[in-house]
Amino acid sequence: GKWVTLNLPAVSATTGTGSTVLASDTALAAIVRPTSNQDLYCTLILNNNAAVTVPGVIRVTTAGTVQIFRDGAATAFTNSQPAGTVTNTSVTYFLG
């Protein structure tokens, strides 16, 4: 099988009301898109300008977007506060 590793810089953005996800604006190239969505746990998620105490999720979708979730239950980020990843993060996923 084929595997891909993404090295993601630390990112943050101010979220809107009820936002459960931060997403990339640019899709990954087709050659590195998985055949099914890949959810990867990450412990360095930022919510309300502080690191969360439960693992967040970085999802790589079949459409090539990279999404950041506060936790595995897709709990909303705190409204109008910085959210994202705390530090540079690497994730590895299976292409399928």
PDB file of N, CA and C in Angstrom:
ATOM      1  N   GLY A   1       0.818  -1.193   0.000  1.00  0.00           N
ATOM      2  CA  GLY A   1       0.000   0.000   0.000  1.00  0.00           C
ATOM      3  C   GLY A   1       0.855   1.248   0.000  1.00  0.00           C
ATOM      4  N   LYS A   2       0.244   2.330  -0.335  1.00  0.00           N
ATOM      5  CA  LYS A   2       0.933   3.623  -0.390  1.00  0.00           C
ATOM      6  C   LYS A   2       0.522   4.489   0.788  1.00  0.00           C
ATOM      7  N   TRP A   3       1.510   5.127   1.393  1.00  0.00           N
ATOM      8  CA  TRP A   3       1.302   6.009   2.540  1.00  0.00           C
ATOM      9  C   TRP A   3       1.797   7.403   2.196  1.00  0.00           C
ATOM     10  N   VAL A   4       1.180   8.408   2.827  1.00  0.00           N
ATOM     11  CA  VAL A   4       1.574   9.800   2.637  1.00  0.00           C
ATOM     12  C   VAL A   4       1.781  10.425   4.008  1.00  0.00           C
ATOM     13  N   THR A   5       2.821  11.223   4.146  1.00  0.00           N
ATOM     14  CA  THR A   5       3.029  12.005   5.363  1.00  0.00           C
ATOM     15  C   THR A   5       2.925  13.475   5.004  1.00  0.00           C
ATOM     16  N   LEU A   6       2.064  14.186   5.736  1.00  0.00           N
ATOM     17  CA  LEU A   6       1.928  15.634   5.568  1.00  0.00           C
ATOM     18  C   LEU A   6       2.591  16.310   6.748  1.00  0.00           C
ATOM     19  N   ASN A   7       3.383  17.305   6.475  1.00  0.00           N
ATOM     20  CA  ASN A   7       3.960  18.146   7.519  1.00  0.00           C
ATOM     21  C   ASN A   7       3.199  19.461   7.493  1.00  0.00           C
ATOM     22  N   LEU A   8       2.414  19.702   8.536  1.00  0.00           N
ATOM     23  CA  LEU A   8       1.535  20.866   8.593  1.00  0.00           C
ATOM     24  C   LEU A   8       2.110  21.907   9.543  1.00  0.00           C
ATOM     25  N   PRO A   9       2.145  23.169   9.128  1.00  0.00           N
ATOM     26  CA  PRO A   9       2.613  24.207  10.045  1.00  0.00           C
ATOM     27  C   PRO A   9       1.549  24.481  11.113  1.00  0.00           C
ATOM     28  N   ALA A  10       1.964  25.082  12.202  1.00  0.00           N
ATOM     29  CA  ALA A  10       0.992  25.523  13.199  1.00  0.00           C
ATOM     30  C   ALA A  10       0.064  26.535  12.525  1.00  0.00           C
ATOM     31  N   VAL A  11      -1.234  26.367  12.707  1.00  0.00           N
ATOM     32  CA  VAL A  11      -2.215  27.270  12.103  1.00  0.00           C
ATOM     33  C   VAL A  11      -3.239  27.666  13.148  1.00  0.00           C
ATOM     34  N   SER A  12      -3.779  28.857  13.002  1.00  0.00           N
ATOM     35  CA  SER A  12      -4.899  29.249  13.857  1.00  0.00           C
ATOM     36  C   SER A  12      -5.752  30.250  13.104  1.00  0.00           C
ATOM     37  N   ALA A  13      -7.016  30.277  13.472  1.00  0.00           N
ATOM     38  CA  ALA A  13      -7.972  31.201  12.887  1.00  0.00           C
ATOM     39  C   ALA A  13      -9.037  31.481  13.927  1.00  0.00           C
ATOM     40  N   THR A  14      -9.714  32.590  13.793  1.00  0.00           N
ATOM     41  CA  THR A  14     -10.825  32.890  14.682  1.00  0.00           C
ATOM     42  C   THR A  14     -12.066  32.233  14.103  1.00  0.00           C
ATOM     43  N   THR A  15     -12.737  31.428  14.916  1.00  0.00           N
ATOM     44  CA  THR A  15     -13.871  30.652  14.432  1.00  0.00           C
ATOM     45  C   THR A  15     -15.168  31.442  14.514  1.00  0.00           C
ATOM     46  N   GLY A  16     -16.145  30.991  13.754  1.00  0.00           N
ATOM     47  CA  GLY A  16     -17.473  31.593  13.777  1.00  0.00           C
ATOM     48  C   GLY A  16     -18.406  30.807  14.682  1.00  0.00           C
ATOM     49  N   THR A  17     -19.614  31.248  14.795  1.00  0.00           N
ATOM     50  CA  THR A  17     -20.602  30.613  15.655  1.00  0.00           C
ATOM     51  C   THR A  17     -20.801  29.159  15.267  1.00  0.00           C
ATOM     52  N   GLY A  18     -20.622  28.251  16.223  1.00  0.00           N
ATOM     53  CA  GLY A  18     -20.898  26.840  16.009  1.00  0.00           C
ATOM     54  C   GLY A  18     -19.929  26.120  15.095  1.00  0.00           C
ATOM     55  N   SER A  19     -18.769  26.706  14.801  1.00  0.00           N
ATOM     56  CA  SER A  19     -17.809  26.054  13.916  1.00  0.00           C
ATOM     57  C   SER A  19     -17.264  24.794  14.569  1.00  0.00           C
ATOM     58  N   THR A  20     -17.351  23.684  13.858  1.00  0.00           N
ATOM     59  CA  THR A  20     -16.803  22.430  14.370  1.00  0.00           C
ATOM     60  C   THR A  20     -15.510  22.054  13.679  1.00  0.00           C
ATOM     61  N   VAL A  21     -15.141  22.782  12.627  1.00  0.00           N
ATOM     62  CA  VAL A  21     -13.976  22.389  11.827  1.00  0.00           C
ATOM     63  C   VAL A  21     -13.298  23.609  11.221  1.00  0.00           C
ATOM     64  N   LEU A  22     -11.980  23.549  11.133  1.00  0.00           N
ATOM     65  CA  LEU A  22     -11.204  24.473  10.315  1.00  0.00           C
ATOM     66  C   LEU A  22     -10.782  23.682   9.096  1.00  0.00           C
ATOM     67  N   ALA A  23     -10.840  24.252   7.920  1.00  0.00           N
ATOM     68  CA  ALA A  23     -10.513  23.509   6.700  1.00  0.00           C
ATOM     69  C   ALA A  23      -9.543  24.307   5.842  1.00  0.00           C
ATOM     70  N   SER A  24      -8.763  23.588   5.065  1.00  0.00           N
ATOM     71  CA  SER A  24      -7.843  24.234   4.138  1.00  0.00           C
ATOM     72  C   SER A  24      -8.616  24.841   2.974  1.00  0.00           C
ATOM     73  N   ASP A  25      -8.068  25.901   2.400  1.00  0.00           N
ATOM     74  CA  ASP A  25      -8.700  26.540   1.246  1.00  0.00           C
ATOM     75  C   ASP A  25      -8.270  25.900  -0.072  1.00  0.00           C
ATOM     76  N   THR A  26      -7.139  25.223  -0.067  1.00  0.00           N
ATOM     77  CA  THR A  26      -6.592  24.627  -1.278  1.00  0.00           C
ATOM     78  C   THR A  26      -6.559  23.113  -1.131  1.00  0.00           C
ATOM     79  N   ALA A  27      -7.064  22.413  -2.115  1.00  0.00           N
ATOM     80  CA  ALA A  27      -7.082  20.944  -2.061  1.00  0.00           C
ATOM     81  C   ALA A  27      -5.701  20.376  -2.357  1.00  0.00           C
ATOM     82  N   LEU A  28      -5.441  19.207  -1.765  1.00  0.00           N
ATOM     83  CA  LEU A  28      -4.207  18.476  -2.053  1.00  0.00           C
ATOM     84  C   LEU A  28      -4.260  17.942  -3.486  1.00  0.00           C
ATOM     85  N   ALA A  29      -3.110  17.733  -4.070  1.00  0.00           N
ATOM     86  CA  ALA A  29      -3.035  17.155  -5.413  1.00  0.00           C
ATOM     87  C   ALA A  29      -3.685  15.778  -5.429  1.00  0.00           C
ATOM     88  N   ALA A  30      -4.293  15.406  -6.538  1.00  0.00           N
ATOM     89  CA  ALA A  30      -5.023  14.137  -6.658  1.00  0.00           C
ATOM     90  C   ALA A  30      -4.158  12.934  -6.302  1.00  0.00           C
ATOM     91  N   ILE A  31      -2.880  12.986  -6.576  1.00  0.00           N
ATOM     92  CA  ILE A  31      -1.992  11.849  -6.335  1.00  0.00           C
ATOM     93  C   ILE A  31      -1.846  11.526  -4.840  1.00  0.00           C
ATOM     94  N   VAL A  32      -2.140  12.476  -3.944  1.00  0.00           N
ATOM     95  CA  VAL A  32      -2.008  12.242  -2.497  1.00  0.00           C
ATOM     96  C   VAL A  32      -3.358  12.258  -1.772  1.00  0.00           C
ATOM     97  N   ARG A  33      -4.448  12.128  -2.535  1.00  0.00           N
ATOM     98  CA  ARG A  33      -5.778  12.068  -1.918  1.00  0.00           C
ATOM     99  C   ARG A  33      -6.125  10.617  -1.586  1.00  0.00           C
ATOM    100  N   PRO A  34      -6.639  10.376  -0.372  1.00  0.00           N
ATOM    101  CA  PRO A  34      -7.013   9.006  -0.011  1.00  0.00           C
ATOM    102  C   PRO A  34      -8.290   8.570  -0.715  1.00  0.00           C
ATOM    103  N   THR A  35      -8.499   7.262  -0.811  1.00  0.00           N
ATOM    104  CA  THR A  35      -9.719   6.746  -1.441  1.00  0.00           C
ATOM    105  C   THR A  35     -10.907   6.786  -0.474  1.00  0.00           C
ATOM    106  N   SER A  36     -10.657   6.959   0.811  1.00  0.00           N
ATOM    107  CA  SER A  36     -11.710   7.203   1.807  1.00  0.00           C
ATOM    108  C   SER A  36     -11.161   8.215   2.808  1.00  0.00           C
ATOM    109  N   ASN A  37     -12.045   8.989   3.445  1.00  0.00           N
ATOM    110  CA  ASN A  37     -11.602   9.982   4.415  1.00  0.00           C
ATOM    111  C   ASN A  37     -10.731   9.327   5.479  1.00  0.00           C
ATOM    112  N   GLN A  38      -9.659  10.002   5.859  1.00  0.00           N
ATOM    113  CA  GLN A  38      -8.739   9.488   6.865  1.00  0.00           C
ATOM    114  C   GLN A  38      -8.768  10.410   8.081  1.00  0.00           C
ATOM    115  N   ASP A  39      -9.167   9.885   9.242  1.00  0.00           N
ATOM    116  CA  ASP A  39      -9.181  10.644  10.492  1.00  0.00           C
ATOM    117  C   ASP A  39      -7.947  10.283  11.298  1.00  0.00           C
ATOM    118  N   LEU A  40      -7.177  11.284  11.670  1.00  0.00           N
ATOM    119  CA  LEU A  40      -5.907  11.092  12.355  1.00  0.00           C
ATOM    120  C   LEU A  40      -5.936  11.884  13.656  1.00  0.00           C
ATOM    121  N   TYR A  41      -5.725  11.213  14.774  1.00  0.00           N
ATOM    122  CA  TYR A  41      -5.774  11.897  16.062  1.00  0.00           C
ATOM    123  C   TYR A  41      -4.528  12.734  16.267  1.00  0.00           C
ATOM    124  N   CYS A  42      -4.731  13.905  16.863  1.00  0.00           N
ATOM    125  CA  CYS A  42      -3.656  14.863  17.101  1.00  0.00           C
ATOM    126  C   CYS A  42      -3.860  15.465  18.487  1.00  0.00           C
ATOM    127  N   THR A  43      -2.815  15.482  19.303  1.00  0.00           N
ATOM    128  CA  THR A  43      -2.958  15.974  20.677  1.00  0.00           C
ATOM    129  C   THR A  43      -2.690  17.461  20.823  1.00  0.00           C
ATOM    130  N   LEU A  44      -2.319  18.129  19.768  1.00  0.00           N
ATOM    131  CA  LEU A  44      -1.926  19.526  19.876  1.00  0.00           C
ATOM    132  C   LEU A  44      -2.930  20.461  19.216  1.00  0.00           C
ATOM    133  N   ILE A  45      -4.187  20.391  19.648  1.00  0.00           N
ATOM    134  CA  ILE A  45      -5.249  21.223  19.082  1.00  0.00           C
ATOM    135  C   ILE A  45      -5.479  22.446  19.974  1.00  0.00           C
ATOM    136  N   LEU A  46      -5.715  23.576  19.343  1.00  0.00           N
ATOM    137  CA  LEU A  46      -5.939  24.851  20.028  1.00  0.00           C
ATOM    138  C   LEU A  46      -7.424  25.194  19.992  1.00  0.00           C
ATOM    139  N   ASN A  47      -7.991  25.541  21.142  1.00  0.00           N
ATOM    140  CA  ASN A  47      -9.363  26.037  21.223  1.00  0.00           C
ATOM    141  C   ASN A  47      -9.396  27.129  22.282  1.00  0.00           C
ATOM    142  N   ASN A  48     -10.079  28.227  21.973  1.00  0.00           N
ATOM    143  CA  ASN A  48     -10.180  29.335  22.923  1.00  0.00           C
ATOM    144  C   ASN A  48      -8.779  29.816  23.320  1.00  0.00           C
ATOM    145  N   ASN A  49      -7.866  29.775  22.357  1.00  0.00           N
ATOM    146  CA  ASN A  49      -6.482  30.225  22.512  1.00  0.00           C
ATOM    147  C   ASN A  49      -5.681  29.401  23.528  1.00  0.00           C
ATOM    148  N   ALA A  50      -6.102  28.147  23.773  1.00  0.00           N
ATOM    149  CA  ALA A  50      -5.379  27.254  24.689  1.00  0.00           C
ATOM    150  C   ALA A  50      -5.422  25.833  24.137  1.00  0.00           C
ATOM    151  N   ALA A  51      -4.411  25.047  24.487  1.00  0.00           N
ATOM    152  CA  ALA A  51      -4.382  23.644  24.062  1.00  0.00           C
ATOM    153  C   ALA A  51      -5.512  22.885  24.749  1.00  0.00           C
ATOM    154  N   VAL A  52      -6.195  22.008  24.008  1.00  0.00           N
ATOM    155  CA  VAL A  52      -7.272  21.199  24.591  1.00  0.00           C
ATOM    156  C   VAL A  52      -6.667  19.978  25.277  1.00  0.00           C
ATOM    157  N   THR A  53      -7.435  19.390  26.191  1.00  0.00           N
ATOM    158  CA  THR A  53      -6.910  18.269  26.982  1.00  0.00           C
ATOM    159  C   THR A  53      -7.270  16.912  26.404  1.00  0.00           C
ATOM    160  N   VAL A  54      -8.081  16.871  25.345  1.00  0.00           N
ATOM    161  CA  VAL A  54      -8.408  15.611  24.682  1.00  0.00           C
ATOM    162  C   VAL A  54      -7.885  15.684  23.248  1.00  0.00           C
ATOM    163  N   PRO A  55      -7.574  14.541  22.651  1.00  0.00           N
ATOM    164  CA  PRO A  55      -7.052  14.567  21.282  1.00  0.00           C
ATOM    165  C   PRO A  55      -8.056  15.157  20.284  1.00  0.00           C
ATOM    166  N   GLY A  56      -7.550  15.988  19.391  1.00  0.00           N
ATOM    167  CA  GLY A  56      -8.341  16.479  18.281  1.00  0.00           C
ATOM    168  C   GLY A  56      -8.159  15.548  17.090  1.00  0.00           C
ATOM    169  N   VAL A  57      -8.802  15.913  15.994  1.00  0.00           N
ATOM    170  CA  VAL A  57      -8.724  15.087  14.790  1.00  0.00           C
ATOM    171  C   VAL A  57      -8.321  15.956  13.605  1.00  0.00           C
ATOM    172  N   ILE A  58      -7.387  15.439  12.823  1.00  0.00           N
ATOM    173  CA  ILE A  58      -7.075  16.036  11.531  1.00  0.00           C
ATOM    174  C   ILE A  58      -7.610  15.061  10.492  1.00  0.00           C
ATOM    175  N   ARG A  59      -8.513  15.529   9.642  1.00  0.00           N
ATOM    176  CA  ARG A  59      -9.132  14.682   8.617  1.00  0.00           C
ATOM    177  C   ARG A  59      -8.618  15.088   7.242  1.00  0.00           C
ATOM    178  N   VAL A  60      -8.170  14.100   6.489  1.00  0.00           N
ATOM    179  CA  VAL A  60      -7.813  14.298   5.088  1.00  0.00           C
ATOM    180  C   VAL A  60      -8.938  13.660   4.290  1.00  0.00           C
ATOM    181  N   THR A  61      -9.629  14.461   3.468  1.00  0.00           N
ATOM    182  CA  THR A  61     -10.803  13.969   2.758  1.00  0.00           C
ATOM    183  C   THR A  61     -10.456  13.489   1.348  1.00  0.00           C
ATOM    184  N   THR A  62     -11.386  12.748   0.769  1.00  0.00           N
ATOM    185  CA  THR A  62     -11.213  12.264  -0.597  1.00  0.00           C
ATOM    186  C   THR A  62     -11.169  13.418  -1.602  1.00  0.00           C
ATOM    187  N   ALA A  63     -11.704  14.581  -1.210  1.00  0.00           N
ATOM    188  CA  ALA A  63     -11.664  15.767  -2.070  1.00  0.00           C
ATOM    189  C   ALA A  63     -10.344  16.521  -1.926  1.00  0.00           C
ATOM    190  N   GLY A  64      -9.493  16.069  -0.981  1.00  0.00           N
ATOM    191  CA  GLY A  64      -8.189  16.683  -0.821  1.00  0.00           C
ATOM    192  C   GLY A  64      -8.134  17.819   0.180  1.00  0.00           C
ATOM    193  N   THR A  65      -9.194  18.035   0.954  1.00  0.00           N
ATOM    194  CA  THR A  65      -9.132  19.074   1.979  1.00  0.00           C
ATOM    195  C   THR A  65      -8.580  18.503   3.273  1.00  0.00           C
ATOM    196  N   VAL A  66      -7.953  19.359   4.041  1.00  0.00           N
ATOM    197  CA  VAL A  66      -7.436  19.000   5.354  1.00  0.00           C
ATOM    198  C   VAL A  66      -8.285  19.758   6.375  1.00  0.00           C
ATOM    199  N   GLN A  67      -8.941  19.013   7.250  1.00  0.00           N
ATOM    200  CA  GLN A  67      -9.837  19.610   8.229  1.00  0.00           C
ATOM    201  C   GLN A  67      -9.310  19.354   9.633  1.00  0.00           C
ATOM    202  N   ILE A  68      -9.495  20.330  10.517  1.00  0.00           N
ATOM    203  CA  ILE A  68      -9.057  20.205  11.907  1.00  0.00           C
ATOM    204  C   ILE A  68     -10.291  20.263  12.801  1.00  0.00           C
ATOM    205  N   PHE A  69     -10.471  19.229  13.631  1.00  0.00           N
ATOM    206  CA  PHE A  69     -11.591  19.161  14.569  1.00  0.00           C
ATOM    207  C   PHE A  69     -11.064  19.276  15.994  1.00  0.00           C
ATOM    208  N   ARG A  70     -11.844  19.912  16.842  1.00  0.00           N
ATOM    209  CA  ARG A  70     -11.465  20.099  18.246  1.00  0.00           C
ATOM    210  C   ARG A  70     -11.308  18.771  18.974  1.00  0.00           C
ATOM    211  N   ASP A  71     -12.163  17.797  18.634  1.00  0.00           N
ATOM    212  CA  ASP A  71     -12.109  16.475  19.265  1.00  0.00           C
ATOM    213  C   ASP A  71     -12.761  15.459  18.340  1.00  0.00           C
ATOM    214  N   GLY A  72     -12.766  14.201  18.763  1.00  0.00           N
ATOM    215  CA  GLY A  72     -13.324  13.138  17.936  1.00  0.00           C
ATOM    216  C   GLY A  72     -14.831  13.188  17.806  1.00  0.00           C
ATOM    217  N   ALA A  73     -15.497  13.976  18.655  1.00  0.00           N
ATOM    218  CA  ALA A  73     -16.954  14.097  18.596  1.00  0.00           C
ATOM    219  C   ALA A  73     -17.400  15.319  17.791  1.00  0.00           C
ATOM    220  N   ALA A  74     -16.457  16.031  17.193  1.00  0.00           N
ATOM    221  CA  ALA A  74     -16.734  17.237  16.404  1.00  0.00           C
ATOM    222  C   ALA A  74     -17.448  18.301  17.233  1.00  0.00           C
ATOM    223  N   THR A  75     -17.011  18.481  18.488  1.00  0.00           N
ATOM    224  CA  THR A  75     -17.528  19.544  19.338  1.00  0.00           C
ATOM    225  C   THR A  75     -17.150  20.891  18.739  1.00  0.00           C
ATOM    226  N   ALA A  76     -18.054  21.856  18.813  1.00  0.00           N
ATOM    227  CA  ALA A  76     -17.794  23.175  18.242  1.00  0.00           C
ATOM    228  C   ALA A  76     -16.632  23.867  18.950  1.00  0.00           C
ATOM    229  N   PHE A  77     -15.821  24.583  18.163  1.00  0.00           N
ATOM    230  CA  PHE A  77     -14.795  25.434  18.741  1.00  0.00           C
ATOM    231  C   PHE A  77     -15.473  26.603  19.445  1.00  0.00           C
ATOM    232  N   THR A  78     -14.796  27.220  20.409  1.00  0.00           N
ATOM    233  CA  THR A  78     -15.341  28.385  21.098  1.00  0.00           C
ATOM    234  C   THR A  78     -15.492  29.526  20.103  1.00  0.00           C
ATOM    235  N   ASN A  79     -16.671  30.152  20.089  1.00  0.00           N
ATOM    236  CA  ASN A  79     -16.989  31.208  19.144  1.00  0.00           C
ATOM    237  C   ASN A  79     -16.047  32.407  19.288  1.00  0.00           C
ATOM    238  N   SER A  80     -15.587  32.924  18.161  1.00  0.00           N
ATOM    239  CA  SER A  80     -14.792  34.151  18.065  1.00  0.00           C
ATOM    240  C   SER A  80     -13.487  34.106  18.846  1.00  0.00           C
ATOM    241  N   GLN A  81     -12.917  32.922  18.985  1.00  0.00           N
ATOM    242  CA  GLN A  81     -11.636  32.757  19.675  1.00  0.00           C
ATOM    243  C   GLN A  81     -10.676  31.974  18.781  1.00  0.00           C
ATOM    244  N   PRO A  82      -9.361  32.163  18.949  1.00  0.00           N
ATOM    245  CA  PRO A  82      -8.392  31.430  18.133  1.00  0.00           C
ATOM    246  C   PRO A  82      -8.517  29.910  18.304  1.00  0.00           C
ATOM    247  N   ALA A  83      -8.428  29.196  17.181  1.00  0.00           N
ATOM    248  CA  ALA A  83      -8.491  27.734  17.166  1.00  0.00           C
ATOM    249  C   ALA A  83      -7.560  27.237  16.073  1.00  0.00           C
ATOM    250  N   GLY A  84      -7.055  26.009  16.223  1.00  0.00           N
ATOM    251  CA  GLY A  84      -6.174  25.437  15.204  1.00  0.00           C
ATOM    252  C   GLY A  84      -5.252  24.401  15.791  1.00  0.00           C
ATOM    253  N   THR A  85      -3.982  24.415  15.362  1.00  0.00           N
ATOM    254  CA  THR A  85      -2.982  23.501  15.920  1.00  0.00           C
ATOM    255  C   THR A  85      -1.963  24.325  16.701  1.00  0.00           C
ATOM    256  N   VAL A  86      -1.445  23.740  17.782  1.00  0.00           N
ATOM    257  CA  VAL A  86      -0.534  24.450  18.677  1.00  0.00           C
ATOM    258  C   VAL A  86       0.874  24.572  18.078  1.00  0.00           C
ATOM    259  N   THR A  87       1.346  23.491  17.459  1.00  0.00           N
ATOM    260  CA  THR A  87       2.697  23.480  16.889  1.00  0.00           C
ATOM    261  C   THR A  87       2.654  22.841  15.506  1.00  0.00           C
ATOM    262  N   ASN A  88       3.787  22.803  14.842  1.00  0.00           N
ATOM    263  CA  ASN A  88       3.897  22.070  13.584  1.00  0.00           C
ATOM    264  C   ASN A  88       3.511  20.616  13.863  1.00  0.00           C
ATOM    265  N   THR A  89       2.802  19.998  12.935  1.00  0.00           N
ATOM    266  CA  THR A  89       2.280  18.656  13.134  1.00  0.00           C
ATOM    267  C   THR A  89       2.537  17.811  11.889  1.00  0.00           C
ATOM    268  N   SER A  90       2.903  16.556  12.082  1.00  0.00           N
ATOM    269  CA  SER A  90       3.035  15.606  10.983  1.00  0.00           C
ATOM    270  C   SER A  90       1.982  14.523  11.143  1.00  0.00           C
ATOM    271  N   VAL A  91       1.315  14.185  10.061  1.00  0.00           N
ATOM    272  CA  VAL A  91       0.333  13.099  10.058  1.00  0.00           C
ATOM    273  C   VAL A  91       0.611  12.188   8.876  1.00  0.00           C
ATOM    274  N   THR A  92       0.434  10.896   9.088  1.00  0.00           N
ATOM    275  CA  THR A  92       0.642   9.903   8.033  1.00  0.00           C
ATOM    276  C   THR A  92      -0.654   9.144   7.814  1.00  0.00           C
ATOM    277  N   TYR A  93      -1.047   8.979   6.553  1.00  0.00           N
ATOM    278  CA  TYR A  93      -2.296   8.281   6.246  1.00  0.00           C
ATOM    279  C   TYR A  93      -2.108   7.356   5.044  1.00  0.00           C
ATOM    280  N   PHE A  94      -3.022   6.405   4.936  1.00  0.00           N
ATOM    281  CA  PHE A  94      -3.016   5.398   3.882  1.00  0.00           C
ATOM    282  C   PHE A  94      -3.822   5.902   2.687  1.00  0.00           C
ATOM    283  N   LEU A  95      -3.290   5.766   1.494  1.00  0.00           N
ATOM    284  CA  LEU A  95      -4.022   6.211   0.303  1.00  0.00           C
ATOM    285  C   LEU A  95      -5.151   5.279  -0.066  1.00  0.00           C
ATOM    286  N   GLY A  96      -4.993   3.988   0.171  1.00  0.00           N
ATOM    287  CA  GLY A  96      -6.057   3.030  -0.149  1.00  0.00           C
ATOM    288  C   GLY A  96      -5.751   2.209  -1.362  1.00  0.00           C
TER     289      GLY A  96
END
